[in-house]
Amino acid sequence: MPGPIFPFRGGNISFRVLNEATVRMNTVFRTVEDNRKVIIPESVRLFLAAAVLESLTLHQEAWRSHTSRVLNARNDSDAGALAEIIQISLTEVLDGADAEPRIPNGVPEVTHIGVPSHINRKWCGIFPICR
């Protein structure tokens, strides 16, 4: 039996899709931080999460062109496939986004402008961040 459907800014998304997307995004954030030795600020995380969730709910037709089968954010069974696309996309964005050292510890932090700048440089081969 499918799980509940949750409203999100004008669209609907299954709990399983929402959960899997959230888990996968958090995994990407931790992995990129570990691999690049950077900090990804909460505001950058929130921006990217909002962009992905907005895309899942408001632009589902665009997701269909990036898979070999029709995916739907309302279907629990599509959670894994959607999460895989999200992981690839966010990894691409965050691996290429500029990072600058921050005071006091000097650890590089992914910059807010670095994220859209990288997306712009790749205009726009990074789905679902832009379509």
Foldseek 3Di string as FASTA:
>chain_A
DFADWDDDDQFIAGPLLVVLLVVLLVVLQVVLCVVVVAHEDPVNSVVLVVLLVCCLGPPLVVVCVVDPHRAHRHGNVRNVVSNVLSNVLVNQQSNQFDWFQDPPPGGTYRDPVRRVVSCVVVVHPRPPSPD
